[in-house]
Amino acid sequence: MLESGSPAPRMVLEDTEGQTVLLSDYQGRHAVLIYFMRSTSCPVCNRHVRDLVDRGDDMAADDVQVLLAVPDDRETAARWKAKHQVPFPVLTGRDGSPHEMIGLGRKVFGSMRQSGSVLIDRQGVVRHAHGATMPTSSYDKAGIAAAIASLRTPA
């Protein structure tokens, strides 16, 4: 798993439209919060996404771009995004799961997909990284809020 203060990893992802998304494209423009869902069918993860949607205006006011990373294929992700009217880009991996790119592998005999969140500042530095095997503890709302608040404080 990534650590706070480390440089953001080089990530090449694909959105639900099939467009390439480079994490580095946001550097210098926006901070980026990526929420890594266990799957689009996970009810707990879907509640976490709903909270992010509800807080979307606050995130935008803090100049934070929210991205959702899913281990599902692009077509499944696109159907889920449309069905749930998710306003954020939904990303899949081009060369494997986006989860593995940051160290969120499978735990508990290789069957439980980890989920979590990463906040990367405008300079491309990880300011928050959290992961968990159980989806109920994967969304660190207080940690995300504190990390976003720290973006407002001059270094």
C-alpha atoms as a PDB file:
ATOM      1  CA  MET A   1       0.000   0.000   0.000  1.00  0.00           C
ATOM      2  CA  LEU A   2       1.170   3.508  -0.692  1.00  0.00           C
ATOM      3  CA  GLU A   3       2.397   5.717   2.129  1.00  0.00           C
ATOM      4  CA  SER A   4       1.730   9.378   2.852  1.00  0.00           C
ATOM      5  CA  GLY A   5       4.572  11.540   1.598  1.00  0.00           C
ATOM      6  CA  SER A   6       5.528   9.163  -1.204  1.00  0.00           C
ATOM      7  CA  PRO A   7       5.279  10.158  -4.859  1.00  0.00           C
ATOM      8  CA  ALA A   8       2.114   9.065  -6.633  1.00  0.00           C
ATOM      9  CA  PRO A   9       2.575   5.905  -8.677  1.00  0.00           C
ATOM     10  CA  ARG A  10       2.522   5.979 -12.448  1.00  0.00           C
ATOM     11  CA  MET A  11      -0.955   4.723 -13.253  1.00  0.00           C
ATOM     12  CA  VAL A  12      -2.404   4.156 -16.699  1.00  0.00           C
ATOM     13  CA  LEU A  13      -6.130   3.557 -16.419  1.00  0.00           C
ATOM     14  CA  GLU A  14      -9.128   3.481 -18.713  1.00  0.00           C
ATOM     15  CA  ASP A  15     -12.437   5.230 -18.164  1.00  0.00           C
ATOM     16  CA  THR A  16     -15.864   3.858 -19.015  1.00  0.00           C
ATOM     17  CA  GLU A  17     -15.664   5.512 -22.448  1.00  0.00           C
ATOM     18  CA  GLY A  18     -12.460   3.628 -23.260  1.00  0.00           C
ATOM     19  CA  GLN A  19     -10.271   6.734 -22.954  1.00  0.00           C
ATOM     20  CA  THR A  20      -6.810   6.463 -21.409  1.00  0.00           C
ATOM     21  CA  VAL A  21      -6.482   8.271 -18.091  1.00  0.00           C
ATOM     22  CA  LEU A  22      -3.050   9.015 -16.669  1.00  0.00           C
ATOM     23  CA  LEU A  23      -2.915   9.970 -13.023  1.00  0.00           C
ATOM     24  CA  SER A  24      -0.115  12.372 -13.915  1.00  0.00           C
ATOM     25  CA  ASP A  25      -2.543  14.339 -16.133  1.00  0.00           C
ATOM     26  CA  TYR A  26      -4.021  15.868 -12.959  1.00  0.00           C
ATOM     27  CA  GLN A  27      -0.665  16.947 -11.540  1.00  0.00           C
ATOM     28  CA  GLY A  28      -0.414  20.719 -11.267  1.00  0.00           C
ATOM     29  CA  ARG A  29      -4.158  21.083 -11.899  1.00  0.00           C
ATOM     30  CA  HIS A  30      -6.096  19.303  -9.143  1.00  0.00           C
ATOM     31  CA  ALA A  31      -5.673  17.156  -6.099  1.00  0.00           C
ATOM     32  CA  VAL A  32      -7.099  13.702  -6.777  1.00  0.00           C
ATOM     33  CA  LEU A  33      -9.038  11.418  -4.462  1.00  0.00           C
ATOM     34  CA  ILE A  34      -9.295   7.869  -5.765  1.00  0.00           C
ATOM     35  CA  TYR A  35     -11.723   5.530  -4.052  1.00  0.00           C
ATOM     36  CA  PHE A  36     -10.951   1.893  -4.828  1.00  0.00           C
ATOM     37  CA  MET A  37     -14.160  -0.152  -4.640  1.00  0.00           C
ATOM     38  CA  ARG A  38     -14.194  -3.888  -3.953  1.00  0.00           C
ATOM     39  CA  SER A  39     -16.592  -4.204  -6.870  1.00  0.00           C
ATOM     40  CA  THR A  40     -19.532  -2.371  -8.385  1.00  0.00           C
ATOM     41  CA  SER A  41     -21.813  -4.965  -6.781  1.00  0.00           C
ATOM     42  CA  CYS A  42     -20.558  -4.359  -3.220  1.00  0.00           C
ATOM     43  CA  PRO A  43     -23.436  -2.722  -1.287  1.00  0.00           C
ATOM     44  CA  VAL A  44     -21.095  -1.232   1.319  1.00  0.00           C
ATOM     45  CA  CYS A  45     -18.857   0.289  -1.356  1.00  0.00           C
ATOM     46  CA  ASN A  46     -21.946   1.680  -3.067  1.00  0.00           C
ATOM     47  CA  ARG A  47     -22.916   3.463   0.175  1.00  0.00           C
ATOM     48  CA  HIS A  48     -19.426   4.941   0.342  1.00  0.00           C
ATOM     49  CA  VAL A  49     -19.762   6.164  -3.251  1.00  0.00           C
ATOM     50  CA  ARG A  50     -23.134   7.734  -2.375  1.00  0.00           C
ATOM     51  CA  ASP A  51     -21.396   9.660   0.415  1.00  0.00           C
ATOM     52  CA  LEU A  52     -18.731  10.870  -2.028  1.00  0.00           C
ATOM     53  CA  VAL A  53     -21.460  11.969  -4.445  1.00  0.00           C
ATOM     54  CA  ASP A  54     -23.238  13.815  -1.615  1.00  0.00           C
ATOM     55  CA  ARG A  55     -19.944  15.541  -0.736  1.00  0.00           C
ATOM     56  CA  GLY A  56     -19.035  16.223  -4.369  1.00  0.00           C
ATOM     57  CA  ASP A  57     -19.644  19.984  -4.195  1.00  0.00           C
ATOM     58  CA  ASP A  58     -17.391  20.270  -1.140  1.00  0.00           C
ATOM     59  CA  MET A  59     -14.693  18.257  -2.914  1.00  0.00           C
ATOM     60  CA  ALA A  60     -14.954  20.482  -5.978  1.00  0.00           C
ATOM     61  CA  ALA A  61     -14.745  23.608  -3.781  1.00  0.00           C
ATOM     62  CA  ASP A  62     -11.460  22.230  -2.418  1.00  0.00           C
ATOM     63  CA  ASP A  63     -10.298  21.558  -5.996  1.00  0.00           C
ATOM     64  CA  VAL A  64     -10.279  17.800  -5.444  1.00  0.00           C
ATOM     65  CA  GLN A  65     -11.147  15.593  -8.409  1.00  0.00           C
ATOM     66  CA  VAL A  66     -12.835  12.378  -7.285  1.00  0.00           C
ATOM     67  CA  LEU A  67     -12.110   9.241  -9.274  1.00  0.00           C
ATOM     68  CA  LEU A  68     -13.562   5.795  -8.658  1.00  0.00           C
ATOM     69  CA  ALA A  69     -11.447   2.744  -9.439  1.00  0.00           C
ATOM     70  CA  VAL A  70     -13.153  -0.604  -9.901  1.00  0.00           C
ATOM     71  CA  PRO A  71     -11.741  -4.075 -10.553  1.00  0.00           C
ATOM     72  CA  ASP A  72     -14.626  -4.827 -12.925  1.00  0.00           C
ATOM     73  CA  ASP A  73     -14.365  -4.724 -16.714  1.00  0.00           C
ATOM     74  CA  ARG A  74     -15.116  -1.495 -18.574  1.00  0.00           C
ATOM     75  CA  GLU A  75     -18.600  -2.551 -19.755  1.00  0.00           C
ATOM     76  CA  THR A  76     -19.708  -3.562 -16.256  1.00  0.00           C
ATOM     77  CA  ALA A  77     -18.308  -0.299 -14.868  1.00  0.00           C
ATOM     78  CA  ALA A  78     -20.129   1.740 -17.531  1.00  0.00           C
ATOM     79  CA  ARG A  79     -23.476   0.060 -16.807  1.00  0.00           C
ATOM     80  CA  TRP A  80     -23.001   0.587 -13.067  1.00  0.00           C
ATOM     81  CA  LYS A  81     -22.049   4.255 -13.528  1.00  0.00           C
ATOM     82  CA  ALA A  82     -25.137   4.932 -15.649  1.00  0.00           C
ATOM     83  CA  LYS A  83     -27.508   3.006 -13.381  1.00  0.00           C
ATOM     84  CA  HIS A  84     -26.314   4.814 -10.244  1.00  0.00           C
ATOM     85  CA  GLN A  85     -25.881   8.194 -11.985  1.00  0.00           C
ATOM     86  CA  VAL A  86     -22.328   8.537 -10.737  1.00  0.00           C
ATOM     87  CA  PRO A  87     -20.934  11.953 -11.743  1.00  0.00           C
ATOM     88  CA  PHE A  88     -17.275  11.010 -11.257  1.00  0.00           C
ATOM     89  CA  PRO A  89     -14.992   9.266 -13.726  1.00  0.00           C
ATOM     90  CA  VAL A  90     -15.038   5.510 -13.165  1.00  0.00           C
ATOM     91  CA  LEU A  91     -11.751   3.830 -14.014  1.00  0.00           C
ATOM     92  CA  THR A  92     -10.602   0.314 -14.724  1.00  0.00           C
ATOM     93  CA  GLY A  93      -7.102  -0.973 -15.241  1.00  0.00           C
ATOM     94  CA  ARG A  94      -5.682  -1.287 -18.720  1.00  0.00           C
ATOM     95  CA  ASP A  95      -3.067  -3.807 -17.665  1.00  0.00           C
ATOM     96  CA  GLY A  96      -4.629  -5.448 -14.625  1.00  0.00           C
ATOM     97  CA  SER A  97      -6.626  -4.170 -11.698  1.00  0.00           C
ATOM     98  CA  PRO A  98      -6.015  -0.604 -10.537  1.00  0.00           C
ATOM     99  CA  HIS A  99      -6.045  -2.012  -7.005  1.00  0.00           C
ATOM    100  CA  GLU A 100      -2.864  -4.005  -7.543  1.00  0.00           C
ATOM    101  CA  MET A 101      -1.146  -0.878  -8.905  1.00  0.00           C
ATOM    102  CA  ILE A 102      -1.181   0.615  -5.404  1.00  0.00           C
ATOM    103  CA  GLY A 103      -0.873  -2.547  -3.345  1.00  0.00           C
ATOM    104  CA  LEU A 104      -4.525  -3.377  -2.664  1.00  0.00           C
ATOM    105  CA  GLY A 105      -4.395  -7.060  -3.463  1.00  0.00           C
ATOM    106  CA  ARG A 106      -6.608  -9.923  -2.440  1.00  0.00           C
ATOM    107  CA  LYS A 107      -6.479 -11.103   1.174  1.00  0.00           C
ATOM    108  CA  VAL A 108      -8.009 -13.924   3.200  1.00  0.00           C
ATOM    109  CA  PHE A 109      -6.896 -16.876   1.062  1.00  0.00           C
ATOM    110  CA  GLY A 110      -6.822 -14.689  -2.040  1.00  0.00           C
ATOM    111  CA  SER A 111     -10.580 -14.258  -2.185  1.00  0.00           C
ATOM    112  CA  MET A 112     -11.328 -10.891  -0.545  1.00  0.00           C
ATOM    113  CA  ARG A 113     -10.617  -7.862  -2.718  1.00  0.00           C
ATOM    114  CA  GLN A 114      -9.233  -4.979  -0.676  1.00  0.00           C
ATOM    115  CA  SER A 115     -10.647  -1.495  -1.064  1.00  0.00           C
ATOM    116  CA  GLY A 116      -9.548   1.915   0.119  1.00  0.00           C
ATOM    117  CA  SER A 117      -8.688   5.468  -0.833  1.00  0.00           C
ATOM    118  CA  VAL A 118      -5.730   7.578  -1.868  1.00  0.00           C
ATOM    119  CA  LEU A 119      -5.494  11.385  -1.923  1.00  0.00           C
ATOM    120  CA  ILE A 120      -2.770  12.866  -4.103  1.00  0.00           C
ATOM    121  CA  ASP A 121      -1.999  16.572  -3.951  1.00  0.00           C
ATOM    122  CA  ARG A 122      -1.393  18.859  -6.953  1.00  0.00           C
ATOM    123  CA  GLN A 123       2.340  18.172  -6.788  1.00  0.00           C
ATOM    124  CA  GLY A 124       1.807  14.432  -7.154  1.00  0.00           C
ATOM    125  CA  VAL A 125       2.515  13.520  -3.526  1.00  0.00           C
ATOM    126  CA  VAL A 126       0.361  11.027  -1.636  1.00  0.00           C
ATOM    127  CA  ARG A 127      -1.290  12.849   1.271  1.00  0.00           C
ATOM    128  CA  HIS A 128      -3.597  10.036   2.421  1.00  0.00           C
ATOM    129  CA  ALA A 129      -3.577   6.296   1.805  1.00  0.00           C
ATOM    130  CA  HIS A 130      -5.909   3.835   3.446  1.00  0.00           C
ATOM    131  CA  GLY A 131      -6.848   0.282   2.614  1.00  0.00           C
ATOM    132  CA  ALA A 132      -8.783  -2.519   4.257  1.00  0.00           C
ATOM    133  CA  THR A 133      -9.921  -6.029   3.519  1.00  0.00           C
ATOM    134  CA  MET A 134     -13.399  -5.542   4.955  1.00  0.00           C
ATOM    135  CA  PRO A 135     -15.440  -2.950   3.045  1.00  0.00           C
ATOM    136  CA  THR A 136     -16.962  -1.548   6.237  1.00  0.00           C
ATOM    137  CA  SER A 137     -13.564  -0.176   7.250  1.00  0.00           C
ATOM    138  CA  SER A 138     -12.252   0.765   3.804  1.00  0.00           C
ATOM    139  CA  TYR A 139     -13.749   4.245   3.655  1.00  0.00           C
ATOM    140  CA  ASP A 140     -11.782   6.458   6.033  1.00  0.00           C
ATOM    141  CA  LYS A 141     -14.088   9.475   5.906  1.00  0.00           C
ATOM    142  CA  ALA A 142     -12.334  11.285   8.782  1.00  0.00           C
ATOM    143  CA  GLY A 143      -8.881  10.597   7.337  1.00  0.00           C
ATOM    144  CA  ILE A 144      -9.936  11.848   3.918  1.00  0.00           C
ATOM    145  CA  ALA A 145     -11.434  15.011   5.428  1.00  0.00           C
ATOM    146  CA  ALA A 146      -8.262  15.683   7.442  1.00  0.00           C
ATOM    147  CA  ALA A 147      -6.059  15.152   4.392  1.00  0.00           C
ATOM    148  CA  ILE A 148      -8.189  17.512   2.301  1.00  0.00           C
ATOM    149  CA  ALA A 149      -8.083  20.103   5.086  1.00  0.00           C
ATOM    150  CA  SER A 150      -4.283  19.807   5.093  1.00  0.00           C
ATOM    151  CA  LEU A 151      -4.280  20.795   1.410  1.00  0.00           C
ATOM    152  CA  ARG A 152      -5.692  24.173   2.449  1.00  0.00           C
ATOM    153  CA  THR A 153      -2.798  24.741   4.879  1.00  0.00           C
ATOM    154  CA  PRO A 154       0.312  26.239   3.281  1.00  0.00           C
ATOM    155  CA  ALA A 155       3.325  23.961   3.599  1.00  0.00           C
END
